Amino acid sequence: MHVHLPKPLHGWRAFVGEVGIIVVGVLIALGAEQVVESIHEREDIAQLRGALRGELADDRARWEDMRAQDRCTESRFTAIDHWLRSAPAGKLLPDAFRITLWNMHSSAWDLAKTSPAVAHIPVTERLTYASLFAAIDNWREVLMIERANGQTMEALLATADQPENRRQVPLYLARARILLRLRQLNYRYFFSRFDSLGIRADRSQLTIAGDDNLLCKPLDQ
């Protein structure tokens, strides 16, 4: 039994050429689609990186601002300790401990974790982002504790003419020293990761123009 295939109207050579043109056209269309997807993917990654780096630049500025106050903070601890030992009963010490302890931001990373673009960031870079933002989240609560302790100590000093308040100051002063040392021990962790990502501080988002030398000034008695 012989099967006879219908011949193309213009011959097999012309038919193959037409099919080849169609195949090439499909391949070009698929290639163009992949190029467009690749461009969009790169744009998404660039936008994601920009958001992460912008937030971290703000966070680095906040850490640098707090670190810059440390020398004078330690000096003020010494001054308060001396005042407690030497000031007569009935004395009070207003505005004795004004320190700026910033809140930290991590909302960009919270959004990034749900973005498909984050999977296209190299693993090492992604892990550095993750470890840095995790540390920022952990430290948010510690900074709140340090801030609350400092505010309580300042309030006690402002009412130190009351003996029961003055007696509590050494406890909060000791806590303040411990919390400062704890923060200082973690600077290397934060700044080494900022540096590895090439993050520079952006102070434009700081809403308070603090004085790093404020606590080095003599106590206002």
N, C-alpha and C. Protein backbone atom coordinates (compact mmCIF):
# COMPACT_ATOMS: atom_id res chain seq x y z
N MET A 1 0.85 -1.19 0.00
CA MET A 1 0.00 0.00 0.00
C MET A 1 0.88 1.23 0.00
N HIS A 2 0.65 2.14 -0.88
CA HIS A 2 1.45 3.36 -0.98
C HIS A 2 0.63 4.55 -0.50
N VAL A 3 1.28 5.35 0.36
CA VAL A 3 0.64 6.58 0.85
C VAL A 3 1.19 7.75 0.04
N HIS A 4 0.35 8.49 -0.56
CA HIS A 4 0.76 9.63 -1.37
C HIS A 4 0.50 10.92 -0.60
N LEU A 5 1.57 11.60 -0.25
CA LEU A 5 1.43 12.89 0.45
C LEU A 5 1.07 13.98 -0.54
N PRO A 6 0.16 14.84 -0.16
CA PRO A 6 -0.18 15.94 -1.06
C PRO A 6 1.01 16.86 -1.24
N LYS A 7 1.24 17.27 -2.45
CA LYS A 7 2.37 18.15 -2.73
C LYS A 7 1.98 19.60 -2.47
N PRO A 8 2.88 20.41 -1.86
CA PRO A 8 2.60 21.83 -1.68
C PRO A 8 2.35 22.48 -3.03
N LEU A 9 1.58 23.55 -2.98
CA LEU A 9 1.21 24.21 -4.22
C LEU A 9 2.43 24.71 -4.98
N HIS A 10 3.43 25.19 -4.24
CA HIS A 10 4.61 25.79 -4.90
C HIS A 10 5.85 24.92 -4.77
N GLY A 11 5.69 23.68 -4.38
CA GLY A 11 6.83 22.77 -4.28
C GLY A 11 7.38 22.71 -2.86
N TRP A 12 8.11 21.60 -2.64
CA TRP A 12 8.63 21.37 -1.29
C TRP A 12 9.67 22.41 -0.86
N ARG A 13 10.46 22.84 -1.75
CA ARG A 13 11.50 23.81 -1.40
C ARG A 13 10.87 25.11 -0.90
N ALA A 14 9.85 25.58 -1.57
CA ALA A 14 9.16 26.80 -1.14
C ALA A 14 8.46 26.59 0.18
N PHE A 15 7.90 25.38 0.36
CA PHE A 15 7.20 25.07 1.60
C PHE A 15 8.14 25.11 2.81
N VAL A 16 9.29 24.45 2.63
CA VAL A 16 10.29 24.45 3.71
C VAL A 16 10.75 25.87 4.02
N GLY A 17 10.90 26.68 3.00
CA GLY A 17 11.31 28.06 3.23
C GLY A 17 10.27 28.83 4.01
N GLU A 18 8.99 28.61 3.69
CA GLU A 18 7.93 29.30 4.42
C GLU A 18 7.88 28.86 5.88
N VAL A 19 8.02 27.55 6.08
CA VAL A 19 8.04 27.03 7.46
C VAL A 19 9.24 27.59 8.23
N GLY A 20 10.38 27.66 7.56
CA GLY A 20 11.57 28.21 8.20
C GLY A 20 11.36 29.65 8.63
N ILE A 21 10.69 30.43 7.77
CA ILE A 21 10.41 31.84 8.11
C ILE A 21 9.52 31.92 9.34
N ILE A 22 8.51 31.03 9.40
CA ILE A 22 7.61 31.03 10.56
C ILE A 22 8.37 30.67 11.83
N VAL A 23 9.22 29.63 11.74
CA VAL A 23 10.00 29.20 12.91
C VAL A 23 10.92 30.31 13.39
N VAL A 24 11.59 30.94 12.43
CA VAL A 24 12.51 32.04 12.79
C VAL A 24 11.73 33.17 13.45
N GLY A 25 10.54 33.46 12.89
CA GLY A 25 9.71 34.52 13.48
C GLY A 25 9.31 34.21 14.91
N VAL A 26 8.93 32.94 15.15
CA VAL A 26 8.56 32.53 16.51
C VAL A 26 9.75 32.64 17.45
N LEU A 27 10.91 32.20 17.00
CA LEU A 27 12.12 32.27 17.84
C LEU A 27 12.48 33.72 18.16
N ILE A 28 12.35 34.59 17.17
CA ILE A 28 12.63 36.01 17.40
C ILE A 28 11.66 36.58 18.43
N ALA A 29 10.37 36.21 18.29
CA ALA A 29 9.35 36.70 19.24
C ALA A 29 9.65 36.23 20.65
N LEU A 30 10.02 34.92 20.77
CA LEU A 30 10.35 34.39 22.10
C LEU A 30 11.59 35.06 22.67
N GLY A 31 12.59 35.27 21.82
CA GLY A 31 13.80 35.94 22.27
C GLY A 31 13.53 37.36 22.72
N ALA A 32 12.68 38.07 21.97
CA ALA A 32 12.34 39.44 22.33
C ALA A 32 11.60 39.47 23.66
N GLU A 33 10.72 38.48 23.86
CA GLU A 33 9.97 38.41 25.12
C GLU A 33 10.92 38.18 26.29
N GLN A 34 11.90 37.31 26.08
CA GLN A 34 12.87 37.05 27.15
C GLN A 34 13.71 38.28 27.45
N VAL A 35 14.06 39.03 26.40
CA VAL A 35 14.83 40.27 26.60
C VAL A 35 14.03 41.25 27.43
N VAL A 36 12.74 41.40 27.09
CA VAL A 36 11.87 42.32 27.84
C VAL A 36 11.75 41.88 29.30
N GLU A 37 11.55 40.57 29.50
CA GLU A 37 11.46 40.05 30.87
C GLU A 37 12.76 40.29 31.63
N SER A 38 13.89 40.10 30.96
CA SER A 38 15.19 40.32 31.60
C SER A 38 15.37 41.78 32.00
N ILE A 39 14.93 42.69 31.11
CA ILE A 39 15.03 44.12 31.42
C ILE A 39 14.17 44.45 32.64
N HIS A 40 12.93 43.94 32.65
CA HIS A 40 12.04 44.19 33.78
C HIS A 40 12.61 43.60 35.07
N GLU A 41 13.20 42.42 34.95
CA GLU A 41 13.79 41.77 36.12
C GLU A 41 14.93 42.60 36.68
N ARG A 42 15.80 43.10 35.79
CA ARG A 42 16.92 43.93 36.25
C ARG A 42 16.40 45.22 36.89
N GLU A 43 15.34 45.79 36.33
CA GLU A 43 14.76 47.01 36.91
C GLU A 43 14.20 46.73 38.30
N ASP A 44 13.52 45.58 38.45
CA ASP A 44 12.96 45.22 39.76
C ASP A 44 14.08 45.03 40.79
N ILE A 45 15.17 44.37 40.37
CA ILE A 45 16.29 44.15 41.29
C ILE A 45 16.93 45.48 41.68
N ALA A 46 17.09 46.37 40.70
CA ALA A 46 17.69 47.68 40.97
C ALA A 46 16.83 48.49 41.93
N GLN A 47 15.51 48.46 41.73
CA GLN A 47 14.61 49.18 42.62
C GLN A 47 14.64 48.60 44.03
N LEU A 48 14.69 47.26 44.10
CA LEU A 48 14.74 46.60 45.41
C LEU A 48 16.03 46.95 46.13
N ARG A 49 17.15 46.85 45.41
CA ARG A 49 18.43 47.22 46.04
C ARG A 49 18.42 48.68 46.50
N GLY A 50 17.86 49.54 45.66
CA GLY A 50 17.81 50.96 46.02
C GLY A 50 17.03 51.20 47.30
N ALA A 51 15.90 50.50 47.46
CA ALA A 51 15.09 50.65 48.67
C ALA A 51 15.84 50.13 49.90
N LEU A 52 16.48 48.96 49.75
CA LEU A 52 17.23 48.38 50.88
C LEU A 52 18.40 49.27 51.27
N ARG A 53 19.15 49.72 50.30
CA ARG A 53 20.33 50.53 50.57
C ARG A 53 19.94 51.90 51.13
N GLY A 54 18.84 52.45 50.65
CA GLY A 54 18.39 53.73 51.17
C GLY A 54 18.01 53.64 52.64
N GLU A 55 17.29 52.58 53.00
CA GLU A 55 16.90 52.39 54.39
C GLU A 55 18.12 52.13 55.28
N LEU A 56 19.05 51.32 54.79
CA LEU A 56 20.25 51.04 55.57
C LEU A 56 21.15 52.26 55.70
N ALA A 57 21.17 53.13 54.69
CA ALA A 57 21.96 54.37 54.79
C ALA A 57 21.41 55.25 55.90
N ASP A 58 20.09 55.28 56.04
CA ASP A 58 19.46 56.02 57.13
C ASP A 58 19.79 55.37 58.48
N ASP A 59 19.70 54.04 58.54
CA ASP A 59 20.02 53.34 59.78
C ASP A 59 21.48 53.54 60.18
N ARG A 60 22.39 53.53 59.19
CA ARG A 60 23.81 53.74 59.51
C ARG A 60 24.03 55.13 60.09
N ALA A 61 23.36 56.13 59.53
CA ALA A 61 23.49 57.49 60.06
C ALA A 61 23.04 57.54 61.52
N ARG A 62 21.99 56.80 61.84
CA ARG A 62 21.49 56.78 63.22
C ARG A 62 22.49 56.10 64.16
N TRP A 63 23.08 54.99 63.70
CA TRP A 63 24.09 54.32 64.53
C TRP A 63 25.33 55.20 64.71
N GLU A 64 25.75 55.86 63.65
CA GLU A 64 26.91 56.75 63.76
C GLU A 64 26.63 57.91 64.70
N ASP A 65 25.41 58.43 64.66
CA ASP A 65 25.05 59.55 65.53
C ASP A 65 25.10 59.12 67.00
N MET A 66 24.60 57.92 67.28
CA MET A 66 24.64 57.43 68.66
C MET A 66 26.08 57.16 69.11
N ARG A 67 26.87 56.57 68.21
CA ARG A 67 28.27 56.28 68.55
C ARG A 67 29.04 57.57 68.83
N ALA A 68 28.73 58.62 68.10
CA ALA A 68 29.45 59.89 68.28
C ALA A 68 29.19 60.51 69.65
N GLN A 69 28.08 60.14 70.28
CA GLN A 69 27.76 60.68 71.59
C GLN A 69 28.44 59.94 72.74
N ASP A 70 29.03 58.77 72.45
CA ASP A 70 29.50 57.89 73.53
C ASP A 70 30.53 58.54 74.45
N ARG A 71 31.50 59.24 73.85
CA ARG A 71 32.55 59.83 74.68
C ARG A 71 31.96 60.78 75.72
N CYS A 72 31.05 61.62 75.28
CA CYS A 72 30.45 62.58 76.21
C CYS A 72 29.44 61.91 77.14
N THR A 73 28.82 60.82 76.68
CA THR A 73 27.90 60.08 77.55
C THR A 73 28.66 59.51 78.74
N GLU A 74 29.82 58.91 78.46
CA GLU A 74 30.63 58.37 79.55
C GLU A 74 31.11 59.48 80.49
N SER A 75 31.45 60.64 79.92
CA SER A 75 31.85 61.78 80.74
C SER A 75 30.71 62.24 81.64
N ARG A 76 29.48 62.23 81.09
CA ARG A 76 28.34 62.65 81.89
C ARG A 76 28.04 61.66 83.01
N PHE A 77 28.25 60.37 82.76
CA PHE A 77 28.08 59.38 83.83
C PHE A 77 29.01 59.72 85.01
N THR A 78 30.25 60.03 84.69
CA THR A 78 31.22 60.37 85.73
C THR A 78 30.79 61.63 86.48
N ALA A 79 30.28 62.61 85.73
CA ALA A 79 29.85 63.87 86.36
C ALA A 79 28.65 63.64 87.27
N ILE A 80 27.71 62.82 86.84
CA ILE A 80 26.54 62.53 87.67
C ILE A 80 26.96 61.77 88.92
N ASP A 81 27.86 60.83 88.76
CA ASP A 81 28.34 60.07 89.91
C ASP A 81 29.02 60.99 90.93
N HIS A 82 29.83 61.93 90.43
CA HIS A 82 30.48 62.89 91.32
C HIS A 82 29.44 63.76 92.01
N TRP A 83 28.42 64.19 91.27
CA TRP A 83 27.37 65.04 91.86
C TRP A 83 26.64 64.30 92.99
N LEU A 84 26.34 63.02 92.75
CA LEU A 84 25.64 62.24 93.77
C LEU A 84 26.46 62.13 95.06
N ARG A 85 27.77 62.08 94.91
CA ARG A 85 28.63 61.92 96.09
C ARG A 85 28.89 63.24 96.80
N SER A 86 28.76 64.34 96.08
CA SER A 86 29.19 65.62 96.67
C SER A 86 28.07 66.64 96.90
N ALA A 87 26.98 66.54 96.14
CA ALA A 87 25.93 67.57 96.27
C ALA A 87 25.20 67.41 97.61
N PRO A 88 24.91 68.51 98.28
CA PRO A 88 24.19 68.44 99.56
C PRO A 88 22.77 67.90 99.37
N ALA A 89 22.22 67.39 100.43
CA ALA A 89 20.83 66.93 100.40
C ALA A 89 19.93 68.12 100.07
N GLY A 90 18.86 67.86 99.38
CA GLY A 90 17.95 68.93 99.00
C GLY A 90 18.25 69.52 97.64
N LYS A 91 19.40 69.15 97.04
CA LYS A 91 19.74 69.64 95.71
C LYS A 91 19.08 68.76 94.64
N LEU A 92 18.78 69.36 93.51
CA LEU A 92 18.27 68.59 92.38
C LEU A 92 19.08 68.95 91.14
N LEU A 93 18.93 68.14 90.10
CA LEU A 93 19.77 68.30 88.91
C LEU A 93 18.89 68.17 87.65
N PRO A 94 18.32 69.28 87.17
CA PRO A 94 17.44 69.21 86.00
C PRO A 94 18.23 69.07 84.69
N ASP A 95 17.59 68.47 83.70
CA ASP A 95 18.17 68.32 82.35
C ASP A 95 19.58 67.72 82.38
N ALA A 96 19.75 66.69 83.17
CA ALA A 96 21.10 66.14 83.37
C ALA A 96 21.50 65.09 82.35
N PHE A 97 20.51 64.49 81.67
CA PHE A 97 20.88 63.37 80.80
C PHE A 97 20.00 63.35 79.56
N ARG A 98 20.30 64.23 78.62
CA ARG A 98 19.57 64.29 77.35
C ARG A 98 20.41 63.58 76.28
N ILE A 99 20.05 62.35 75.98
CA ILE A 99 20.78 61.58 74.97
C ILE A 99 19.81 61.18 73.86
N THR A 100 20.27 61.21 72.64
CA THR A 100 19.44 60.83 71.49
C THR A 100 19.71 59.38 71.12
N LEU A 101 18.69 58.56 71.28
CA LEU A 101 18.77 57.15 70.91
C LEU A 101 17.70 56.91 69.85
N TRP A 102 18.15 56.68 68.62
CA TRP A 102 17.24 56.60 67.49
C TRP A 102 16.54 55.25 67.39
N ASN A 103 15.33 55.30 66.83
CA ASN A 103 14.68 54.07 66.42
C ASN A 103 15.28 53.62 65.09
N MET A 104 15.20 52.32 64.81
CA MET A 104 15.77 51.77 63.58
C MET A 104 14.65 51.32 62.64
N HIS A 105 14.91 51.41 61.34
CA HIS A 105 13.92 51.07 60.33
C HIS A 105 14.29 49.77 59.60
N SER A 106 13.27 48.97 59.28
CA SER A 106 13.50 47.73 58.53
C SER A 106 12.32 47.39 57.63
N SER A 107 11.46 48.36 57.33
CA SER A 107 10.26 48.09 56.53
C SER A 107 10.60 47.67 55.11
N ALA A 108 11.69 48.21 54.54
CA ALA A 108 12.07 47.82 53.17
C ALA A 108 12.39 46.34 53.09
N TRP A 109 13.08 45.82 54.10
CA TRP A 109 13.41 44.40 54.11
C TRP A 109 12.15 43.55 54.28
N ASP A 110 11.19 44.01 55.09
CA ASP A 110 9.94 43.28 55.26
C ASP A 110 9.22 43.13 53.92
N LEU A 111 9.23 44.18 53.11
CA LEU A 111 8.62 44.12 51.78
C LEU A 111 9.46 43.27 50.82
N ALA A 112 10.78 43.39 50.94
CA ALA A 112 11.67 42.67 50.02
C ALA A 112 11.51 41.16 50.15
N LYS A 113 11.25 40.69 51.35
CA LYS A 113 11.16 39.24 51.58
C LYS A 113 10.01 38.60 50.81
N THR A 114 9.02 39.39 50.42
CA THR A 114 7.89 38.86 49.66
C THR A 114 8.02 39.14 48.16
N SER A 115 9.12 39.78 47.76
CA SER A 115 9.31 40.13 46.35
C SER A 115 10.07 39.03 45.61
N PRO A 116 9.59 38.61 44.42
CA PRO A 116 10.33 37.60 43.64
C PRO A 116 11.74 38.08 43.26
N ALA A 117 11.93 39.41 43.20
CA ALA A 117 13.22 39.95 42.76
C ALA A 117 14.33 39.61 43.75
N VAL A 118 13.99 39.40 45.02
CA VAL A 118 15.03 39.15 46.02
C VAL A 118 15.77 37.86 45.72
N ALA A 119 15.11 36.90 45.06
CA ALA A 119 15.76 35.63 44.74
C ALA A 119 16.87 35.79 43.71
N HIS A 120 16.90 36.90 42.99
CA HIS A 120 17.91 37.14 41.96
C HIS A 120 19.11 37.92 42.50
N ILE A 121 19.06 38.33 43.77
CA ILE A 121 20.21 38.96 44.40
C ILE A 121 21.17 37.85 44.84
N PRO A 122 22.47 37.98 44.61
CA PRO A 122 23.41 36.92 45.00
C PRO A 122 23.25 36.50 46.46
N VAL A 123 23.45 35.21 46.72
CA VAL A 123 23.17 34.66 48.05
C VAL A 123 23.97 35.36 49.14
N THR A 124 25.26 35.60 48.89
CA THR A 124 26.10 36.24 49.92
C THR A 124 25.56 37.62 50.27
N GLU A 125 25.21 38.39 49.27
CA GLU A 125 24.65 39.72 49.51
C GLU A 125 23.32 39.62 50.24
N ARG A 126 22.50 38.67 49.83
CA ARG A 126 21.17 38.51 50.45
C ARG A 126 21.31 38.12 51.92
N LEU A 127 22.26 37.25 52.22
CA LEU A 127 22.49 36.84 53.61
C LEU A 127 22.97 38.01 54.47
N THR A 128 23.79 38.87 53.88
CA THR A 128 24.27 40.05 54.62
C THR A 128 23.11 40.99 54.94
N TYR A 129 22.24 41.21 53.95
CA TYR A 129 21.04 42.01 54.21
C TYR A 129 20.22 41.38 55.34
N ALA A 130 20.01 40.08 55.25
CA ALA A 130 19.17 39.39 56.23
C ALA A 130 19.74 39.51 57.63
N SER A 131 21.05 39.28 57.78
CA SER A 131 21.67 39.34 59.11
C SER A 131 21.64 40.76 59.67
N LEU A 132 21.85 41.75 58.81
CA LEU A 132 21.87 43.13 59.26
C LEU A 132 20.48 43.59 59.69
N PHE A 133 19.47 43.29 58.90
CA PHE A 133 18.11 43.69 59.26
C PHE A 133 17.59 42.92 60.47
N ALA A 134 18.01 41.67 60.61
CA ALA A 134 17.61 40.90 61.80
C ALA A 134 18.19 41.53 63.06
N ALA A 135 19.46 41.96 62.98
CA ALA A 135 20.09 42.62 64.12
C ALA A 135 19.39 43.95 64.43
N ILE A 136 19.01 44.68 63.40
CA ILE A 136 18.30 45.95 63.61
C ILE A 136 16.98 45.69 64.32
N ASP A 137 16.25 44.65 63.90
CA ASP A 137 14.99 44.31 64.57
C ASP A 137 15.22 43.95 66.03
N ASN A 138 16.27 43.17 66.30
CA ASN A 138 16.56 42.77 67.68
C ASN A 138 16.93 43.97 68.55
N TRP A 139 17.67 44.91 67.96
CA TRP A 139 18.15 46.04 68.74
C TRP A 139 17.08 47.11 68.97
N ARG A 140 16.01 47.06 68.23
CA ARG A 140 14.94 48.05 68.41
C ARG A 140 14.44 48.03 69.86
N GLU A 141 14.23 46.83 70.39
CA GLU A 141 13.74 46.70 71.76
C GLU A 141 14.80 47.11 72.78
N VAL A 142 16.07 46.74 72.53
CA VAL A 142 17.14 47.09 73.46
C VAL A 142 17.30 48.61 73.55
N LEU A 143 17.21 49.29 72.41
CA LEU A 143 17.32 50.74 72.41
C LEU A 143 16.15 51.39 73.16
N MET A 144 14.97 50.78 73.07
CA MET A 144 13.83 51.29 73.83
C MET A 144 14.08 51.16 75.32
N ILE A 145 14.69 50.05 75.73
CA ILE A 145 15.02 49.86 77.15
C ILE A 145 16.04 50.90 77.60
N GLU A 146 17.07 51.12 76.78
CA GLU A 146 18.09 52.11 77.13
C GLU A 146 17.50 53.51 77.20
N ARG A 147 16.61 53.82 76.26
CA ARG A 147 15.97 55.14 76.25
C ARG A 147 15.10 55.34 77.49
N ALA A 148 14.32 54.32 77.83
CA ALA A 148 13.45 54.41 79.00
C ALA A 148 14.26 54.54 80.29
N ASN A 149 15.37 53.80 80.37
CA ASN A 149 16.23 53.89 81.56
C ASN A 149 16.81 55.30 81.71
N GLY A 150 17.27 55.87 80.59
CA GLY A 150 17.83 57.22 80.63
C GLY A 150 16.80 58.25 81.02
N GLN A 151 15.57 58.12 80.51
CA GLN A 151 14.51 59.06 80.84
C GLN A 151 14.14 58.98 82.32
N THR A 152 14.11 57.76 82.84
CA THR A 152 13.80 57.59 84.27
C THR A 152 14.90 58.21 85.13
N MET A 153 16.15 57.97 84.74
CA MET A 153 17.27 58.55 85.50
C MET A 153 17.21 60.08 85.46
N GLU A 154 16.90 60.65 84.30
CA GLU A 154 16.81 62.10 84.18
C GLU A 154 15.69 62.64 85.08
N ALA A 155 14.56 61.94 85.11
CA ALA A 155 13.44 62.37 85.96
C ALA A 155 13.81 62.29 87.44
N LEU A 156 14.52 61.25 87.83
CA LEU A 156 14.94 61.11 89.22
C LEU A 156 15.92 62.21 89.62
N LEU A 157 16.83 62.56 88.73
CA LEU A 157 17.79 63.63 89.02
C LEU A 157 17.08 64.98 89.11
N ALA A 158 16.04 65.16 88.29
CA ALA A 158 15.29 66.43 88.31
C ALA A 158 14.46 66.56 89.58
N THR A 159 14.26 65.46 90.28
CA THR A 159 13.51 65.49 91.55
C THR A 159 14.37 64.93 92.69
N ALA A 160 15.69 65.10 92.55
CA ALA A 160 16.62 64.51 93.53
C ALA A 160 16.60 65.23 94.87
N ASP A 161 15.83 66.31 94.98
CA ASP A 161 15.68 66.95 96.29
C ASP A 161 14.80 66.09 97.20
N GLN A 162 14.14 65.11 96.60
CA GLN A 162 13.37 64.14 97.38
C GLN A 162 14.27 62.93 97.66
N PRO A 163 14.57 62.63 98.90
CA PRO A 163 15.56 61.59 99.23
C PRO A 163 15.29 60.24 98.58
N GLU A 164 14.00 59.84 98.51
CA GLU A 164 13.72 58.52 97.93
C GLU A 164 14.06 58.47 96.45
N ASN A 165 13.95 59.59 95.75
CA ASN A 165 14.32 59.63 94.34
C ASN A 165 15.83 59.63 94.15
N ARG A 166 16.51 60.38 94.99
CA ARG A 166 17.97 60.43 94.89
C ARG A 166 18.60 59.06 95.16
N ARG A 167 18.00 58.30 96.07
CA ARG A 167 18.54 56.99 96.39
C ARG A 167 18.45 56.02 95.20
N GLN A 168 17.51 56.25 94.30
CA GLN A 168 17.33 55.35 93.16
C GLN A 168 18.29 55.64 92.00
N VAL A 169 18.85 56.84 91.97
CA VAL A 169 19.67 57.24 90.82
C VAL A 169 20.85 56.30 90.57
N PRO A 170 21.62 55.86 91.60
CA PRO A 170 22.76 54.98 91.33
C PRO A 170 22.39 53.70 90.58
N LEU A 171 21.21 53.15 90.86
CA LEU A 171 20.78 51.94 90.18
C LEU A 171 20.59 52.21 88.68
N TYR A 172 19.90 53.28 88.34
CA TYR A 172 19.66 53.60 86.93
C TYR A 172 20.95 54.05 86.23
N LEU A 173 21.84 54.66 86.97
CA LEU A 173 23.14 55.04 86.42
C LEU A 173 23.95 53.79 86.08
N ALA A 174 23.93 52.80 86.96
CA ALA A 174 24.64 51.54 86.69
C ALA A 174 24.05 50.84 85.48
N ARG A 175 22.73 50.84 85.36
CA ARG A 175 22.08 50.24 84.20
C ARG A 175 22.46 50.97 82.91
N ALA A 176 22.51 52.28 82.99
CA ALA A 176 22.87 53.07 81.80
C ALA A 176 24.27 52.73 81.33
N ARG A 177 25.19 52.54 82.25
CA ARG A 177 26.56 52.17 81.89
C ARG A 177 26.60 50.79 81.23
N ILE A 178 25.83 49.85 81.79
CA ILE A 178 25.79 48.49 81.22
C ILE A 178 25.21 48.52 79.81
N LEU A 179 24.12 49.25 79.62
CA LEU A 179 23.47 49.31 78.31
C LEU A 179 24.37 49.99 77.27
N LEU A 180 25.11 51.01 77.70
CA LEU A 180 26.04 51.66 76.78
C LEU A 180 27.14 50.70 76.36
N ARG A 181 27.71 49.96 77.30
CA ARG A 181 28.77 49.00 76.97
C ARG A 181 28.24 47.91 76.03
N LEU A 182 27.02 47.47 76.27
CA LEU A 182 26.42 46.46 75.41
C LEU A 182 26.28 46.98 73.98
N ARG A 183 25.85 48.21 73.84
CA ARG A 183 25.72 48.82 72.51
C ARG A 183 27.07 48.94 71.84
N GLN A 184 28.08 49.35 72.60
CA GLN A 184 29.41 49.52 72.04
C GLN A 184 30.00 48.19 71.56
N LEU A 185 29.69 47.12 72.27
CA LEU A 185 30.19 45.80 71.87
C LEU A 185 29.61 45.33 70.54
N ASN A 186 28.48 45.90 70.14
CA ASN A 186 27.83 45.49 68.90
C ASN A 186 28.13 46.39 67.71
N TYR A 187 28.88 47.46 67.91
CA TYR A 187 29.21 48.34 66.79
C TYR A 187 29.93 47.59 65.67
N ARG A 188 30.88 46.76 66.05
CA ARG A 188 31.66 46.05 65.03
C ARG A 188 30.76 45.19 64.15
N TYR A 189 29.79 44.53 64.76
CA TYR A 189 28.87 43.68 64.00
C TYR A 189 28.13 44.51 62.96
N PHE A 190 27.58 45.64 63.39
CA PHE A 190 26.79 46.47 62.47
C PHE A 190 27.66 47.10 61.39
N PHE A 191 28.72 47.75 61.80
CA PHE A 191 29.49 48.55 60.84
C PHE A 191 30.27 47.66 59.86
N SER A 192 30.66 46.47 60.26
CA SER A 192 31.33 45.57 59.31
C SER A 192 30.38 45.16 58.20
N ARG A 193 29.11 45.01 58.52
CA ARG A 193 28.12 44.63 57.51
C ARG A 193 27.73 45.83 56.65
N PHE A 194 27.60 46.99 57.27
CA PHE A 194 27.39 48.20 56.47
C PHE A 194 28.52 48.35 55.45
N ASP A 195 29.75 48.15 55.92
CA ASP A 195 30.92 48.32 55.04
C ASP A 195 30.95 47.28 53.93
N SER A 196 30.62 46.03 54.25
CA SER A 196 30.67 44.97 53.23
C SER A 196 29.65 45.21 52.13
N LEU A 197 28.56 45.89 52.45
CA LEU A 197 27.55 46.23 51.45
C LEU A 197 27.82 47.58 50.78
N GLY A 198 28.85 48.28 51.26
CA GLY A 198 29.17 49.59 50.70
C GLY A 198 28.15 50.65 51.06
N ILE A 199 27.53 50.52 52.23
CA ILE A 199 26.49 51.46 52.67
C ILE A 199 27.14 52.65 53.37
N ARG A 200 26.89 53.84 52.85
CA ARG A 200 27.36 55.07 53.49
C ARG A 200 26.19 55.74 54.20
N ALA A 201 26.49 56.47 55.26
CA ALA A 201 25.45 57.11 56.05
C ALA A 201 24.75 58.22 55.27
N ASP A 202 23.44 58.27 55.40
CA ASP A 202 22.63 59.35 54.82
C ASP A 202 21.93 60.06 55.96
N ARG A 203 22.41 61.25 56.31
CA ARG A 203 21.88 61.98 57.44
C ARG A 203 20.67 62.86 57.08
N SER A 204 20.27 62.81 55.82
CA SER A 204 19.18 63.70 55.39
C SER A 204 17.85 63.36 56.04
N GLN A 205 17.71 62.11 56.54
CA GLN A 205 16.44 61.70 57.14
C GLN A 205 16.39 61.91 58.65
N LEU A 206 17.49 62.36 59.24
CA LEU A 206 17.50 62.59 60.69
C LEU A 206 16.70 63.85 61.00
N THR A 207 15.70 63.69 61.83
CA THR A 207 14.77 64.78 62.09
C THR A 207 15.23 65.72 63.19
N ILE A 208 16.26 65.32 63.92
CA ILE A 208 16.77 66.14 65.03
C ILE A 208 18.24 66.43 64.79
N ALA A 209 18.60 67.68 64.85
CA ALA A 209 20.01 68.06 64.72
C ALA A 209 20.62 68.06 66.12
N GLY A 210 21.15 66.92 66.52
CA GLY A 210 21.69 66.79 67.87
C GLY A 210 23.09 67.37 68.00
N ASP A 211 23.50 67.59 69.25
CA ASP A 211 24.84 68.08 69.56
C ASP A 211 25.61 66.94 70.21
N ASP A 212 26.59 66.39 69.46
CA ASP A 212 27.34 65.25 69.97
C ASP A 212 28.12 65.58 71.24
N ASN A 213 28.41 66.85 71.47
CA ASN A 213 29.21 67.27 72.62
C ASN A 213 28.35 67.79 73.77
N LEU A 214 27.03 67.64 73.65
CA LEU A 214 26.14 68.21 74.65
C LEU A 214 26.45 67.68 76.05
N LEU A 215 26.65 66.37 76.19
CA LEU A 215 26.84 65.79 77.51
C LEU A 215 28.26 66.01 78.04
N CYS A 216 29.14 66.60 77.23
CA CYS A 216 30.48 66.95 77.73
C CYS A 216 30.47 68.30 78.45
N LYS A 217 29.39 69.03 78.30
CA LYS A 217 29.32 70.34 78.94
C LYS A 217 29.11 70.18 80.43
N PRO A 218 29.50 71.17 81.22
CA PRO A 218 29.33 71.06 82.68
C PRO A 218 27.86 70.91 83.05
N LEU A 219 27.62 70.20 84.14
CA LEU A 219 26.25 70.04 84.61
C LEU A 219 25.65 71.39 84.99
N ASP A 220 24.41 71.59 84.61
CA ASP A 220 23.69 72.82 84.94
C ASP A 220 23.09 72.67 86.33
N GLN A 221 23.82 73.18 87.32
CA GLN A 221 23.38 73.05 88.71
C GLN A 221 22.77 74.34 89.21
